[in-house]
C-alpha atoms as a PDB file:
ATOM      1  CA  MET A   1      19.416  12.653  -2.332  1.00  0.00           C
ATOM      2  CA  GLU A   2      16.400  14.911  -2.050  1.00  0.00           C
ATOM      3  CA  MET A   3      13.335  13.266  -0.567  1.00  0.00           C
ATOM      4  CA  GLU A   4       9.889  14.120  -1.954  1.00  0.00           C
ATOM      5  CA  ARG A   5       7.943  16.015   0.745  1.00  0.00           C
ATOM      6  CA  ASP A   6       4.459  14.976   1.801  1.00  0.00           C
ATOM      7  CA  PHE A   7       2.912  18.210   3.017  1.00  0.00           C
ATOM      8  CA  VAL A   8      -0.393  19.886   3.745  1.00  0.00           C
ATOM      9  CA  THR A   9      -1.152  23.603   3.237  1.00  0.00           C
ATOM     10  CA  PHE A  10      -3.184  25.217   5.981  1.00  0.00           C
ATOM     11  CA  THR A  11      -4.618  28.793   6.354  1.00  0.00           C
ATOM     12  CA  ASP A  12      -4.350  30.472   9.664  1.00  0.00           C
ATOM     13  CA  ASP A  13      -6.976  32.780  11.265  1.00  0.00           C
ATOM     14  CA  ASP A  14      -5.419  35.857   9.448  1.00  0.00           C
ATOM     15  CA  GLY A  15      -5.623  34.277   6.075  1.00  0.00           C
ATOM     16  CA  ASN A  16      -1.939  33.355   5.789  1.00  0.00           C
ATOM     17  CA  GLU A  17      -1.030  30.015   4.211  1.00  0.00           C
ATOM     18  CA  PHE A  18       1.670  27.805   5.658  1.00  0.00           C
ATOM     19  CA  GLU A  19       2.730  24.191   4.974  1.00  0.00           C
ATOM     20  CA  LEU A  20       3.335  21.306   7.378  1.00  0.00           C
ATOM     21  CA  ASP A  21       5.110  18.192   6.532  1.00  0.00           C
ATOM     22  CA  VAL A  22       3.358  14.868   7.234  1.00  0.00           C
ATOM     23  CA  ILE A  23       5.957  12.802   9.013  1.00  0.00           C
ATOM     24  CA  ASP A  24       3.843   9.863  10.201  1.00  0.00           C
ATOM     25  CA  TYR A  25       0.295   8.263   9.883  1.00  0.00           C
ATOM     26  CA  PHE A  26      -1.085   5.966  12.541  1.00  0.00           C
ATOM     27  CA  ASP A  27      -4.572   4.340  13.497  1.00  0.00           C
ATOM     28  CA  PHE A  28      -6.202   4.765  16.762  1.00  0.00           C
ATOM     29  CA  GLU A  29      -9.658   3.553  17.785  1.00  0.00           C
ATOM     30  CA  GLY A  30     -10.626   2.992  14.149  1.00  0.00           C
ATOM     31  CA  ASP A  31      -9.571   6.508  12.994  1.00  0.00           C
ATOM     32  CA  GLU A  32      -6.530   7.554  10.985  1.00  0.00           C
ATOM     33  CA  TYR A  33      -4.236  10.267  12.404  1.00  0.00           C
ATOM     34  CA  ALA A  34      -1.351  12.248  10.928  1.00  0.00           C
ATOM     35  CA  VAL A  35       1.695  13.694  12.631  1.00  0.00           C
ATOM     36  CA  LEU A  36       2.799  17.046  11.094  1.00  0.00           C
ATOM     37  CA  MET A  37       5.755  19.324  11.590  1.00  0.00           C
ATOM     38  CA  ASP A  38       7.296  22.334   9.829  1.00  0.00           C
ATOM     39  CA  LEU A  39      10.458  20.613   8.488  1.00  0.00           C
ATOM     40  CA  SER A  40      11.304  23.590   6.307  1.00  0.00           C
ATOM     41  CA  ALA A  41      12.468  25.382   9.464  1.00  0.00           C
ATOM     42  CA  LEU A  42      15.087  22.772  10.300  1.00  0.00           C
ATOM     43  CA  PRO A  43      18.695  23.462   9.211  1.00  0.00           C
ATOM     44  CA  GLU A  44      20.005  21.629   6.163  1.00  0.00           C
ATOM     45  CA  GLU A  45      22.852  19.930   7.953  1.00  0.00           C
ATOM     46  CA  CYS A  46      23.694  19.462  11.602  1.00  0.00           C
ATOM     47  CA  GLU A  47      26.862  17.853  12.934  1.00  0.00           C
ATOM     48  CA  CYS A  48      25.555  17.404  16.468  1.00  0.00           C
ATOM     49  CA  GLU A  49      25.004  13.950  17.897  1.00  0.00           C
ATOM     50  CA  ASP A  50      23.164  15.228  20.897  1.00  0.00           C
ATOM     51  CA  GLU A  51      19.382  15.709  20.892  1.00  0.00           C
ATOM     52  CA  ASP A  52      19.870  18.952  22.837  1.00  0.00           C
ATOM     53  CA  CYS A  53      21.878  20.289  20.020  1.00  0.00           C
ATOM     54  CA  GLU A  54      21.570  24.127  19.370  1.00  0.00           C
ATOM     55  CA  CYS A  55      21.236  23.673  15.551  1.00  0.00           C
ATOM     56  CA  MET A  56      18.170  21.584  15.982  1.00  0.00           C
ATOM     57  CA  PRO A  57      15.402  24.044  17.159  1.00  0.00           C
ATOM     58  CA  GLU A  58      12.501  22.724  19.156  1.00  0.00           C
ATOM     59  CA  GLN A  59       9.679  21.905  16.770  1.00  0.00           C
ATOM     60  CA  ASP A  60       5.904  22.029  17.261  1.00  0.00           C
ATOM     61  CA  VAL A  61       4.268  18.690  16.513  1.00  0.00           C
ATOM     62  CA  TYR A  62       0.609  18.620  15.288  1.00  0.00           C
ATOM     63  CA  ILE A  63      -1.696  15.668  15.488  1.00  0.00           C
ATOM     64  CA  MET A  64      -4.492  15.850  13.058  1.00  0.00           C
ATOM     65  CA  LYS A  65      -7.323  13.384  12.319  1.00  0.00           C
ATOM     66  CA  VAL A  66      -7.488  12.303   8.668  1.00  0.00           C
ATOM     67  CA  VAL A  67     -11.049  12.423   7.232  1.00  0.00           C
ATOM     68  CA  ILE A  68     -11.842  11.111   3.754  1.00  0.00           C
ATOM     69  CA  ASN A  69     -14.211  13.313   1.949  1.00  0.00           C
ATOM     70  CA  GLY A  70     -14.973  11.909  -1.397  1.00  0.00           C
ATOM     71  CA  GLU A  71     -11.384  11.331  -2.869  1.00  0.00           C
ATOM     72  CA  MET A  72      -9.827  14.042  -0.792  1.00  0.00           C
ATOM     73  CA  GLU A  73      -8.021  13.691   2.592  1.00  0.00           C
ATOM     74  CA  GLU A  74      -8.975  16.418   5.053  1.00  0.00           C
ATOM     75  CA  PHE A  75      -6.963  17.190   8.112  1.00  0.00           C
ATOM     76  CA  VAL A  76      -9.087  18.221  11.060  1.00  0.00           C
ATOM     77  CA  PRO A  77      -8.064  18.829  14.657  1.00  0.00           C
ATOM     78  CA  ALA A  78      -8.103  15.697  16.751  1.00  0.00           C
ATOM     79  CA  ASP A  79     -10.638  15.427  19.570  1.00  0.00           C
ATOM     80  CA  GLU A  80      -9.470  17.169  22.728  1.00  0.00           C
ATOM     81  CA  ASP A  81     -10.658  14.270  24.939  1.00  0.00           C
ATOM     82  CA  LYS A  82      -8.187  11.883  23.049  1.00  0.00           C
ATOM     83  CA  MET A  83      -5.272  14.237  22.888  1.00  0.00           C
ATOM     84  CA  ASP A  84      -3.339  12.856  25.911  1.00  0.00           C
ATOM     85  CA  GLN A  85      -3.556   9.226  24.431  1.00  0.00           C
ATOM     86  CA  LEU A  86      -2.621  10.512  20.945  1.00  0.00           C
ATOM     87  CA  ALA A  87       0.287  12.490  22.244  1.00  0.00           C
ATOM     88  CA  ALA A  88       1.558   9.480  24.102  1.00  0.00           C
ATOM     89  CA  ILE A  89       1.382   7.375  21.024  1.00  0.00           C
ATOM     90  CA  VAL A  90       3.090   9.978  18.863  1.00  0.00           C
ATOM     91  CA  GLU A  91       6.002  10.419  21.459  1.00  0.00           C
ATOM     92  CA  GLU A  92       6.554   6.711  21.484  1.00  0.00           C
ATOM     93  CA  ARG A  93       6.596   6.567  17.676  1.00  0.00           C
ATOM     94  CA  LEU A  94       8.977   9.564  17.348  1.00  0.00           C
ATOM     95  CA  SER A  95      11.419   8.080  19.920  1.00  0.00           C
ATOM     96  CA  GLU A  96      11.573   4.878  17.857  1.00  0.00           C
ATOM     97  CA  GLY A  97      12.029   6.676  14.560  1.00  0.00           C
ATOM     98  CA  CYS A  98      15.146   6.694  12.490  1.00  0.00           C
ATOM     99  CA  CYS A  99      16.305  10.014  11.028  1.00  0.00           C
ATOM    100  CA  CYS A 100      17.509   8.054   8.004  1.00  0.00           C
ATOM    101  CA  ASP A 101      14.065   7.150   6.787  1.00  0.00           C
ATOM    102  CA  ASP A 102      14.839   3.440   6.568  1.00  0.00           C
ATOM    103  CA  GLU A 103      17.849   4.015   4.461  1.00  0.00           C
ATOM    104  CA  CYS A 104      20.423   3.635   7.248  1.00  0.00           C
ATOM    105  CA  ASP A 105      22.749   0.785   7.666  1.00  0.00           C
ATOM    106  CA  ASP A 106      25.231  -0.424  10.276  1.00  0.00           C
ATOM    107  CA  ASP A 107      27.724   2.324   9.346  1.00  0.00           C
ATOM    108  CA  CYS A 108      25.237   5.170   9.917  1.00  0.00           C
ATOM    109  CA  ASP A 109      25.939   7.388  12.796  1.00  0.00           C
ATOM    110  CA  CYS A 110      22.230   8.062  13.659  1.00  0.00           C
ATOM    111  CA  GLY A 111      22.331   5.705  16.673  1.00  0.00           C
ATOM    112  CA  CYS A 112      19.456   3.541  15.515  1.00  0.00           C
ATOM    113  CA  HIS A 113      21.548   0.435  15.697  1.00  0.00           C
ATOM    114  CA  ASP A 114      22.834   1.167  19.166  1.00  0.00           C
ATOM    115  CA  HIS A 115      19.921  -0.503  20.985  1.00  0.00           C
ATOM    116  CA  GLU A 116      19.427  -3.511  18.727  1.00  0.00           C
END
């Protein structure tokens, strides 16, 4: 089943457009933040059960502050002085996550149920 992507288009310093997928939202100190990654670079299928798997390349994770401007959401860089705290929150949230997007069950091999 193909999942609908929630992505944001950015433009780099050279004018090139690129897309990042929004993989999570969370609140911190009264502000909303988004966690973004380039999921299009991940392989379609991977048979590895190890997080150090060679078919799962290391991904950059971006933390952006979500600012509402009228009816539009804008993604702006998070404050540098909060980045250590934000990174710790994101790391914890990602380590708790399930690769099955809440569709897994006890027969799933994702490992989510191993620590219940």
